[in-house]
Amino acid sequence: MSRPSPHSSRVLSPVQRAIYASGDFTINAALNALAFVFTAYFLIHVAELRPALAGLVPLIGRAVDAFTDPLMGRISDRTRWQWGRRRPYFLIGAVPFGLCFALLWVPVPFTHELLRFAYYAFVYCLLTTAMTVLSIPYLALQPEMALSYDDRTSLNTYRSAGAMLGVFAAVSVRPLAESFGGGPTGFQFAGFVLGCLFALPWFFVYRVSFERPEWREQEVSTTPFFRGLVEVLAHPNFRRLLALFLFSRMAIDVISTLLILYFTHWLLRSEDFERGMVIFLVAVVSALPVWLWVARRTEKTQLFAYGAVLWSAVQCVLFFVQPDWSRWTLFLLMAVAGAGYAAVDVMPWSMLGDVIDEDELRTGQRREGVYNGVFTFVRKLAGAVGVSLVLGVLDLLGFQANEPTSDTVRNSIRLLAAFAPLAFLAAAVISAGRYPITRAAHAQIVAELWRRRAHSATRATSSTQSNS
């Protein structure tokens, strides 16, 4: 195999990887604040929207993402600025992202419920668009900065750790609002503080990230946008990975939305939600180095299945938990679930870079942006559909904010929180069994890619010398 160019040996140091991971801290913090607190709590209990309308807000935002996420991927693939293809968008999107997040928590003075719904749906769409401008180029950089099978797992482990810290920030929304006096005004100030916090890291991500010149110099694809999108979706192994990712994200986002309702209306201990989430997140971060060690000794799909089975066991037990059980029993369950969640969350993103390499081998094109655009859209859509469905069910059962909760609604929350994520996890594990890109298969893909690149470089050099 030909040796790669000098640029290929460039890697991020551990400190730089941690700074790069702060980008996912902001994105995941915003996404989880929307899932944990905004949709299921703020819109229902503070903005006083009925659950069905609250569930429609993220669904409308995701409908916009169906177009903007793949389009942003296409744009970044075709960008040829002197500053890079991906990195300049970090500077473009940072301030709008923070501003839109702050506006989402503003108490609007409309007495009509549909006007309040329209405001929050509109700002939600603006926020997701700003998030797209940042997240798609950010994620598309990963296969470029981490070239090997294991290095991608390592970089994604750092990124996942940053994402988990983002969940800490998301969980802090209610306590932060209470520290500002609570109520609508408290949430408004909390949104402003977090909006500033989410915009700032992107300037540092811009500084530490890099793009490889030999990748930027590759020929721009002339394939029309929709045809390219169809080609990406026609990639068999990408479809297998997409199914795995879709089901796992639905499990993650459904439990994220239902958990605060589970603590509040089934366990009748709303104050334990934040405590339980802190324990969950500590377990996730603690488990990541262990999973990284395991990942170097096994296949990515096997590790994904291990984590899903561990998390599924906790979901089964959740149905039997009673309000009078010791909180420490539940906290122990949260810790075990966190350990399983860590593997389920990090592995699909690590696998995506391998699929993109296979696509280059098949087509001769590097389309990280489009692939990550589709992947990110699925991430958002899966959560929105799941959340809309479960909140729609609760709305049909008569669930209303700030009203006594019937036994039927309480038991429905208990049932959905336990078994809806379990069904999606089972489907994800089945999908993982059909995914064929192993460590050995990826090594062959990379070897062939470097052989082709070396051959192309030799031809280009010979052509230049002949012309001179």
Protein backbone atom coordinates (compact mmCIF):
# COMPACT_ATOMS: atom_id res chain seq x y z
CA MET A 1 0.00 0.00 0.00
CA SER A 2 1.27 3.48 -0.82
CA ARG A 3 2.09 5.73 2.02
CA PRO A 4 -0.41 8.49 2.73
CA SER A 5 0.49 12.12 2.29
CA PRO A 6 2.14 14.00 5.19
CA HIS A 7 -1.15 15.62 6.07
CA SER A 8 -2.67 12.21 6.77
CA SER A 9 -0.65 11.76 9.94
CA ARG A 10 -2.15 14.82 11.61
CA VAL A 11 -4.29 14.03 14.65
CA LEU A 12 -5.84 16.00 17.48
CA SER A 13 -4.21 15.90 20.89
CA PRO A 14 -6.38 14.84 23.88
CA VAL A 15 -6.88 18.50 24.86
CA GLN A 16 -7.85 19.41 21.31
CA ARG A 17 -10.24 16.46 21.14
CA ALA A 18 -11.88 17.69 24.34
CA ILE A 19 -12.26 21.19 22.85
CA TYR A 20 -13.64 19.73 19.63
CA ALA A 21 -16.13 17.73 21.73
CA SER A 22 -17.47 20.98 23.20
CA GLY A 23 -19.28 21.46 19.89
CA ASP A 24 -21.38 18.40 20.59
CA PHE A 25 -21.80 19.65 24.15
CA THR A 26 -23.78 22.61 22.80
CA ILE A 27 -25.81 20.66 20.22
CA ASN A 28 -26.69 17.85 22.61
CA ALA A 29 -27.48 20.30 25.40
CA ALA A 30 -29.95 22.10 23.15
CA LEU A 31 -31.51 18.91 21.79
CA ASN A 32 -31.92 17.38 25.23
CA ALA A 33 -33.22 20.61 26.74
CA LEU A 34 -35.90 20.47 24.04
CA ALA A 35 -36.63 16.80 24.79
CA PHE A 36 -36.31 16.71 28.59
CA VAL A 37 -37.75 20.06 29.58
CA PHE A 38 -39.07 22.21 26.73
CA THR A 39 -41.57 19.89 25.04
CA ALA A 40 -42.84 17.80 27.94
CA TYR A 41 -42.61 20.42 30.71
CA PHE A 42 -42.24 24.04 29.52
CA LEU A 43 -44.78 23.92 26.70
CA ILE A 44 -47.33 22.00 28.78
CA HIS A 45 -46.87 23.38 32.30
CA VAL A 46 -45.53 26.91 31.64
CA ALA A 47 -46.75 27.89 28.15
CA GLU A 48 -49.95 25.90 28.85
CA LEU A 49 -50.28 24.14 25.51
CA ARG A 50 -52.25 20.91 25.40
CA PRO A 51 -50.00 17.83 24.99
CA ALA A 52 -50.99 17.21 21.34
CA LEU A 53 -49.97 20.76 20.33
CA ALA A 54 -46.79 20.52 22.39
CA GLY A 55 -45.88 17.34 20.53
CA LEU A 56 -46.51 19.02 17.17
CA VAL A 57 -43.94 21.78 17.81
CA PRO A 58 -40.86 19.51 17.40
CA LEU A 59 -42.56 17.57 14.61
CA ILE A 60 -42.92 20.77 12.55
CA GLY A 61 -39.29 21.64 13.22
CA ARG A 62 -38.19 18.21 12.03
CA ALA A 63 -40.25 18.60 8.86
CA VAL A 64 -38.10 21.64 8.06
CA ASP A 65 -35.00 19.56 8.81
CA ALA A 66 -36.04 17.06 6.14
CA PHE A 67 -34.87 19.65 3.62
CA THR A 68 -32.26 21.70 5.46
CA ASP A 69 -30.10 18.88 6.90
CA PRO A 70 -29.26 17.11 3.60
CA LEU A 71 -29.06 20.48 1.81
CA MET A 72 -26.54 21.78 4.35
CA GLY A 73 -24.52 18.62 3.84
CA ARG A 74 -24.54 19.21 0.10
CA ILE A 75 -23.53 22.86 0.56
CA SER A 76 -20.58 22.00 2.80
CA ASP A 77 -19.45 19.23 0.42
CA ARG A 78 -19.34 21.76 -2.41
CA THR A 79 -17.90 24.72 -0.48
CA ARG A 80 -14.42 25.72 -1.65
CA TRP A 81 -13.59 28.76 0.47
CA GLN A 82 -9.94 29.43 1.25
CA TRP A 83 -10.78 28.93 4.96
CA GLY A 84 -12.14 25.42 4.32
CA ARG A 85 -15.27 23.48 3.40
CA ARG A 86 -16.68 22.95 6.89
CA ARG A 87 -15.02 25.11 9.54
CA PRO A 88 -16.24 28.59 8.43
CA TYR A 89 -19.82 27.56 9.19
CA PHE A 90 -18.90 27.35 12.89
CA LEU A 91 -18.40 31.12 12.87
CA ILE A 92 -21.50 31.75 10.77
CA GLY A 93 -23.91 29.74 12.88
CA ALA A 94 -22.71 30.28 16.46
CA VAL A 95 -24.52 33.54 17.34
CA PRO A 96 -27.85 32.70 15.61
CA PHE A 97 -27.84 29.36 17.43
CA GLY A 98 -27.47 30.95 20.87
CA LEU A 99 -29.98 33.71 20.10
CA CYS A 100 -32.69 31.35 18.83
CA PHE A 101 -32.26 29.08 21.85
CA ALA A 102 -32.81 32.07 24.15
CA LEU A 103 -35.91 33.21 22.23
CA LEU A 104 -37.46 29.76 22.59
CA TRP A 105 -37.93 30.28 26.35
CA VAL A 106 -39.47 33.76 26.14
CA PRO A 107 -42.98 33.91 27.71
CA VAL A 108 -45.20 35.31 24.95
CA PRO A 109 -48.19 37.52 25.92
CA PHE A 110 -50.72 35.78 23.64
CA THR A 111 -53.90 34.62 25.34
CA HIS A 112 -54.95 32.44 22.40
CA GLU A 113 -53.39 29.00 22.56
CA LEU A 114 -52.87 28.74 18.78
CA LEU A 115 -50.88 32.00 18.71
CA ARG A 116 -48.57 30.68 21.44
CA PHE A 117 -48.24 27.44 19.50
CA ALA A 118 -47.37 29.36 16.30
CA TYR A 119 -44.67 31.42 18.05
CA TYR A 120 -42.91 28.42 19.59
CA ALA A 121 -43.16 26.38 16.38
CA PHE A 122 -41.65 29.24 14.35
CA VAL A 123 -38.74 29.87 16.73
CA TYR A 124 -38.18 26.12 17.01
CA CYS A 125 -37.74 26.00 13.21
CA LEU A 126 -35.25 28.89 13.35
CA LEU A 127 -33.31 27.13 16.09
CA THR A 128 -33.11 23.83 14.22
CA THR A 129 -31.93 25.64 11.08
CA ALA A 130 -29.15 27.40 13.00
CA MET A 131 -28.27 24.08 14.61
CA THR A 132 -28.07 22.50 11.16
CA VAL A 133 -25.60 25.13 9.92
CA LEU A 134 -23.30 24.12 12.79
CA SER A 135 -23.85 20.42 13.29
CA ILE A 136 -23.70 19.07 9.73
CA PRO A 137 -20.23 20.52 8.87
CA TYR A 138 -19.09 19.62 12.41
CA LEU A 139 -20.05 15.97 12.05
CA ALA A 140 -18.81 15.80 8.45
CA LEU A 141 -15.31 16.73 9.69
CA GLN A 142 -14.96 13.60 11.81
CA PRO A 143 -14.05 11.06 9.09
CA GLU A 144 -11.54 13.59 7.76
CA MET A 145 -9.80 14.25 11.08
CA ALA A 146 -9.86 10.59 12.24
CA LEU A 147 -8.94 8.19 9.45
CA SER A 148 -8.60 4.79 11.10
CA TYR A 149 -11.25 2.36 12.42
CA ASP A 150 -10.18 2.77 16.05
CA ASP A 151 -9.26 6.47 15.89
CA ARG A 152 -12.83 7.25 14.84
CA THR A 153 -14.13 5.35 17.85
CA SER A 154 -11.75 7.34 20.05
CA LEU A 155 -12.79 10.72 18.61
CA ASN A 156 -16.45 9.80 18.88
CA THR A 157 -15.91 8.72 22.48
CA TYR A 158 -14.59 12.20 23.29
CA ARG A 159 -17.52 13.68 21.38
CA SER A 160 -19.95 11.48 23.28
CA ALA A 161 -18.43 12.61 26.58
CA GLY A 162 -18.99 16.20 25.48
CA ALA A 163 -22.55 15.30 24.54
CA MET A 164 -23.14 13.84 28.00
CA LEU A 165 -21.92 17.06 29.61
CA GLY A 166 -24.46 18.74 27.37
CA VAL A 167 -27.17 16.61 28.95
CA PHE A 168 -26.03 17.94 32.34
CA ALA A 169 -26.67 21.44 31.00
CA ALA A 170 -30.07 20.36 29.68
CA VAL A 171 -31.05 18.91 33.04
CA SER A 172 -30.04 22.17 34.73
CA VAL A 173 -32.72 24.19 32.91
CA ARG A 174 -35.38 23.83 35.63
CA PRO A 175 -33.03 24.42 38.59
CA LEU A 176 -31.51 27.39 36.78
CA ALA A 177 -34.97 28.82 36.12
CA GLU A 178 -35.83 28.38 39.80
CA SER A 179 -32.66 30.26 40.77
CA PHE A 180 -33.98 33.21 38.73
CA GLY A 181 -37.30 33.14 40.57
CA GLY A 182 -39.08 30.39 38.66
CA GLY A 183 -42.13 30.70 36.45
CA PRO A 184 -42.04 32.15 32.93
CA THR A 185 -39.53 34.87 33.86
CA GLY A 186 -37.17 32.34 35.41
CA PHE A 187 -37.18 30.25 32.24
CA GLN A 188 -36.58 33.36 30.15
CA PHE A 189 -33.41 34.24 32.08
CA ALA A 190 -32.26 30.60 32.07
CA GLY A 191 -32.68 30.49 28.29
CA PHE A 192 -30.60 33.65 27.88
CA VAL A 193 -27.75 32.32 30.04
CA LEU A 194 -27.67 28.97 28.28
CA GLY A 195 -27.94 30.61 24.85
CA CYS A 196 -24.75 32.55 25.54
CA LEU A 197 -23.07 29.40 26.87
CA PHE A 198 -23.98 27.44 23.74
CA ALA A 199 -22.68 30.03 21.27
CA LEU A 200 -19.22 30.53 22.81
CA PRO A 201 -17.54 27.09 22.32
CA TRP A 202 -17.86 27.20 18.55
CA PHE A 203 -15.13 29.81 18.27
CA PHE A 204 -12.74 27.43 20.04
CA VAL A 205 -13.92 24.45 17.95
CA TYR A 206 -13.01 26.49 14.88
CA ARG A 207 -9.49 27.02 16.25
CA VAL A 208 -8.63 23.38 17.03
CA SER A 209 -10.33 21.59 14.13
CA PHE A 210 -8.63 21.11 10.79
CA GLU A 211 -9.27 19.99 7.21
CA ARG A 212 -6.92 17.95 5.09
CA PRO A 213 -5.81 19.87 1.96
CA GLU A 214 -5.75 16.72 -0.16
CA TRP A 215 -9.45 16.14 0.63
CA ARG A 216 -10.44 19.75 -0.05
CA GLU A 217 -8.70 19.60 -3.42
CA GLN A 218 -10.78 16.66 -4.63
CA GLU A 219 -13.07 17.27 -7.58
CA VAL A 220 -16.49 18.69 -6.69
CA SER A 221 -19.36 16.34 -7.47
CA THR A 222 -21.59 17.52 -10.31
CA THR A 223 -24.38 15.10 -9.40
CA PRO A 224 -27.68 16.99 -8.92
CA PHE A 225 -28.77 17.33 -5.29
CA PHE A 226 -31.80 15.03 -5.31
CA ARG A 227 -30.06 12.42 -7.45
CA GLY A 228 -27.14 12.44 -5.02
CA LEU A 229 -29.56 12.05 -2.14
CA VAL A 230 -31.15 9.06 -3.83
CA GLU A 231 -27.71 7.53 -4.43
CA VAL A 232 -26.81 7.91 -0.76
CA LEU A 233 -30.07 6.32 0.36
CA ALA A 234 -29.53 3.49 -2.16
CA HIS A 235 -26.26 2.52 -0.44
CA PRO A 236 -27.17 -0.86 1.17
CA ASN A 237 -24.88 -0.68 4.18
CA PHE A 238 -25.91 2.90 4.86
CA ARG A 239 -29.55 1.81 4.92
CA ARG A 240 -28.68 -0.92 7.42
CA LEU A 241 -26.84 1.58 9.60
CA LEU A 242 -29.69 4.06 9.21
CA ALA A 243 -32.20 1.50 10.50
CA LEU A 244 -29.99 0.76 13.51
CA PHE A 245 -29.62 4.47 14.21
CA LEU A 246 -33.30 5.29 13.65
CA PHE A 247 -34.55 2.74 16.18
CA SER A 248 -31.89 3.56 18.76
CA ARG A 249 -32.64 7.30 18.53
CA MET A 250 -36.37 6.68 18.91
CA ALA A 251 -35.62 4.73 22.10
CA ILE A 252 -33.38 7.53 23.38
CA ASP A 253 -35.75 10.41 22.63
CA VAL A 254 -38.94 8.70 23.80
CA ILE A 255 -37.48 7.90 27.22
CA SER A 256 -35.94 11.40 27.36
CA THR A 257 -39.39 12.94 27.02
CA LEU A 258 -41.27 10.49 29.23
CA LEU A 259 -38.78 10.36 32.10
CA ILE A 260 -39.73 13.72 33.60
CA LEU A 261 -43.41 12.71 33.41
CA TYR A 262 -42.55 9.32 34.93
CA PHE A 263 -40.88 10.96 37.93
CA THR A 264 -43.58 13.61 38.28
CA HIS A 265 -46.80 11.68 37.75
CA TRP A 266 -45.99 8.02 38.42
CA LEU A 267 -43.37 8.20 41.17
CA LEU A 268 -44.78 11.53 42.48
CA ARG A 269 -41.22 12.74 43.10
CA SER A 270 -40.54 15.40 40.49
CA GLU A 271 -37.52 16.68 42.41
CA ASP A 272 -35.76 13.32 41.93
CA PHE A 273 -35.69 13.73 38.14
CA GLU A 274 -32.61 15.98 38.12
CA ARG A 275 -30.89 13.85 40.77
CA GLY A 276 -31.53 10.67 38.82
CA MET A 277 -30.27 12.26 35.62
CA VAL A 278 -27.03 13.37 37.28
CA ILE A 279 -26.41 9.76 38.35
CA PHE A 280 -27.33 8.54 34.86
CA LEU A 281 -24.90 10.96 33.22
CA VAL A 282 -22.04 10.19 35.61
CA ALA A 283 -22.54 6.52 34.70
CA VAL A 284 -22.47 7.33 30.99
CA VAL A 285 -19.24 9.30 31.21
CA SER A 286 -17.66 6.66 33.47
CA ALA A 287 -18.63 3.87 31.08
CA LEU A 288 -17.17 5.52 27.97
CA PRO A 289 -13.48 4.63 28.67
CA VAL A 290 -14.55 1.05 29.40
CA TRP A 291 -16.48 0.79 26.15
CA LEU A 292 -13.54 2.34 24.28
CA TRP A 293 -11.28 -0.39 25.70
CA VAL A 294 -13.81 -3.05 24.66
CA ALA A 295 -14.17 -1.47 21.21
CA ARG A 296 -10.49 -2.09 20.45
CA ARG A 297 -11.08 -5.82 21.05
CA THR A 298 -14.40 -6.41 19.35
CA GLU A 299 -16.60 -5.26 16.48
CA LYS A 300 -18.66 -2.08 16.73
CA THR A 301 -21.97 -3.87 16.16
CA GLN A 302 -21.23 -6.32 18.98
CA LEU A 303 -20.45 -3.49 21.36
CA PHE A 304 -23.68 -1.72 20.33
CA ALA A 305 -25.65 -4.90 21.08
CA TYR A 306 -24.00 -5.29 24.51
CA GLY A 307 -25.03 -1.79 25.48
CA ALA A 308 -28.58 -2.17 24.12
CA VAL A 309 -29.16 -5.41 26.06
CA LEU A 310 -27.87 -3.84 29.29
CA TRP A 311 -30.15 -0.83 28.86
CA SER A 312 -33.12 -3.03 27.87
CA ALA A 313 -32.86 -4.96 31.14
CA VAL A 314 -33.42 -1.72 33.06
CA GLN A 315 -36.41 -0.81 30.87
CA CYS A 316 -38.08 -4.09 31.87
CA VAL A 317 -37.59 -3.35 35.57
CA LEU A 318 -38.94 0.22 35.24
CA PHE A 319 -42.47 -1.11 34.78
CA PHE A 320 -42.40 -2.75 38.21
CA VAL A 321 -41.00 0.22 40.14
CA GLN A 322 -43.50 1.56 42.68
CA PRO A 323 -43.72 5.08 44.18
CA ASP A 324 -42.80 3.78 47.65
CA TRP A 325 -39.57 2.13 46.47
CA SER A 326 -36.33 3.55 47.82
CA ARG A 327 -34.97 6.30 45.62
CA TRP A 328 -31.57 4.62 45.73
CA THR A 329 -33.00 1.54 44.01
CA LEU A 330 -34.17 3.73 41.16
CA PHE A 331 -30.89 5.63 41.10
CA LEU A 332 -29.05 2.30 40.77
CA LEU A 333 -31.24 1.44 37.79
CA MET A 334 -30.43 4.83 36.26
CA ALA A 335 -26.70 4.11 36.62
CA VAL A 336 -26.98 0.71 34.89
CA ALA A 337 -29.08 2.23 32.11
CA GLY A 338 -26.46 4.95 31.66
CA ALA A 339 -23.73 2.38 31.14
CA GLY A 340 -25.75 0.70 28.39
CA TYR A 341 -26.82 3.99 26.86
CA ALA A 342 -23.19 5.04 26.41
CA ALA A 343 -22.52 2.26 23.90
CA VAL A 344 -25.83 2.74 22.08
CA ASP A 345 -25.17 6.45 21.64
CA VAL A 346 -21.54 6.44 20.50
CA MET A 347 -21.30 3.47 18.15
CA PRO A 348 -23.53 4.54 15.20
CA TRP A 349 -21.56 7.77 14.72
CA SER A 350 -18.30 5.83 14.71
CA MET A 351 -19.74 3.43 12.11
CA LEU A 352 -20.87 6.25 9.83
CA GLY A 353 -17.32 7.20 8.81
CA ASP A 354 -16.70 3.63 7.68
CA VAL A 355 -19.80 3.72 5.45
CA ILE A 356 -18.60 7.02 3.91
CA ASP A 357 -15.25 5.38 3.10
CA GLU A 358 -17.10 2.52 1.40
CA ASP A 359 -19.12 5.05 -0.60
CA GLU A 360 -15.92 6.69 -1.85
CA LEU A 361 -14.65 3.29 -2.93
CA ARG A 362 -17.91 2.67 -4.83
CA THR A 363 -18.39 6.12 -6.41
CA GLY A 364 -15.09 8.01 -6.20
CA GLN A 365 -16.80 10.86 -4.28
CA ARG A 366 -16.39 12.12 -0.71
CA ARG A 367 -19.89 13.00 0.49
CA GLU A 368 -19.50 13.34 4.26
CA GLY A 369 -21.84 16.33 4.31
CA VAL A 370 -24.78 14.60 2.61
CA TYR A 371 -24.33 11.43 4.68
CA ASN A 372 -24.19 13.37 7.93
CA GLY A 373 -27.11 15.53 6.78
CA VAL A 374 -29.30 12.47 6.30
CA PHE A 375 -28.03 10.94 9.55
CA THR A 376 -28.72 14.10 11.55
CA PHE A 377 -32.16 14.48 10.01
CA VAL A 378 -33.00 10.91 11.04
CA ARG A 379 -31.72 11.68 14.53
CA LYS A 380 -34.09 14.62 14.82
CA LEU A 381 -37.03 13.05 12.98
CA ALA A 382 -36.96 9.85 15.01
CA GLY A 383 -37.22 11.76 18.26
CA ALA A 384 -39.93 14.10 17.00
CA VAL A 385 -42.13 11.28 15.71
CA GLY A 386 -41.74 9.24 18.89
CA VAL A 387 -42.38 12.22 21.15
CA SER A 388 -45.40 13.34 19.13
CA LEU A 389 -46.90 9.85 19.27
CA VAL A 390 -46.53 9.36 23.02
CA LEU A 391 -47.74 12.86 23.87
CA GLY A 392 -50.65 12.37 21.46
CA VAL A 393 -51.60 9.20 23.31
CA LEU A 394 -51.51 11.02 26.65
CA ASP A 395 -53.63 13.83 25.18
CA LEU A 396 -56.26 11.31 24.02
CA LEU A 397 -56.28 9.82 27.52
CA GLY A 398 -57.11 13.24 28.97
CA PHE A 399 -53.77 14.29 30.42
CA GLN A 400 -53.79 18.01 31.30
CA ALA A 401 -51.15 20.16 32.92
CA ASN A 402 -51.73 21.49 36.43
CA GLU A 403 -54.74 19.17 36.87
CA PRO A 404 -55.08 16.00 39.00
CA THR A 405 -53.72 13.03 37.06
CA SER A 406 -56.05 10.05 36.70
CA ASP A 407 -54.91 6.50 37.43
CA THR A 408 -55.34 5.68 33.74
CA VAL A 409 -52.92 8.42 32.71
CA ARG A 410 -50.44 7.52 35.46
CA ASN A 411 -50.37 3.88 34.43
CA SER A 412 -50.08 4.85 30.77
CA ILE A 413 -47.03 6.98 31.54
CA ARG A 414 -45.55 4.03 33.43
CA LEU A 415 -46.29 1.61 30.58
CA LEU A 416 -44.96 3.88 27.84
CA ALA A 417 -41.80 4.82 29.76
CA ALA A 418 -40.93 1.16 30.27
CA PHE A 419 -41.88 -0.61 27.07
CA ALA A 420 -41.88 1.93 24.20
CA PRO A 421 -38.07 2.35 24.33
CA LEU A 422 -37.67 -1.40 24.80
CA ALA A 423 -39.43 -2.16 21.51
CA PHE A 424 -37.21 0.29 19.63
CA LEU A 425 -34.04 -1.11 21.21
CA ALA A 426 -34.99 -4.62 20.14
CA ALA A 427 -35.44 -3.43 16.55
CA ALA A 428 -32.04 -1.67 16.71
CA VAL A 429 -30.26 -4.84 17.86
CA ILE A 430 -31.85 -6.83 15.02
CA SER A 431 -30.64 -4.19 12.55
CA ALA A 432 -27.12 -4.35 14.01
CA GLY A 433 -26.92 -8.05 13.19
CA ARG A 434 -27.28 -7.24 9.47
CA TYR A 435 -24.43 -4.72 9.30
CA PRO A 436 -21.37 -6.22 7.52
CA ILE A 437 -18.52 -3.67 7.76
CA THR A 438 -16.13 -5.27 10.23
CA ARG A 439 -12.66 -4.13 11.28
CA ALA A 440 -11.07 -6.37 8.63
CA ALA A 441 -13.48 -5.22 5.91
CA HIS A 442 -12.77 -1.57 6.69
CA ALA A 443 -9.00 -2.16 6.59
CA GLN A 444 -9.40 -3.49 3.05
CA ILE A 445 -11.50 -0.46 2.06
CA VAL A 446 -8.90 1.98 3.40
CA ALA A 447 -6.02 0.12 1.73
CA GLU A 448 -7.75 0.29 -1.65
CA LEU A 449 -8.59 3.99 -1.18
CA TRP A 450 -4.97 4.87 -0.46
CA ARG A 451 -3.84 2.83 -3.46
CA ARG A 452 -6.21 4.80 -5.70
CA ARG A 453 -5.21 8.16 -4.22
CA ALA A 454 -1.52 7.37 -4.62
CA HIS A 455 -2.14 6.34 -8.24
CA SER A 456 -4.09 9.55 -8.91
CA ALA A 457 -1.34 11.65 -7.31
CA THR A 458 1.31 9.93 -9.45
CA ARG A 459 -0.69 10.55 -12.63
CA ALA A 460 -1.21 14.20 -11.70
CA THR A 461 2.53 14.65 -11.06
CA SER A 462 3.44 12.98 -14.36
CA SER A 463 0.95 15.16 -16.23
CA THR A 464 2.40 18.31 -14.67
CA GLN A 465 5.95 17.31 -15.56
CA SER A 466 4.93 16.51 -19.14
CA ASN A 467 3.25 19.88 -19.58
CA SER A 468 6.27 21.69 -18.22
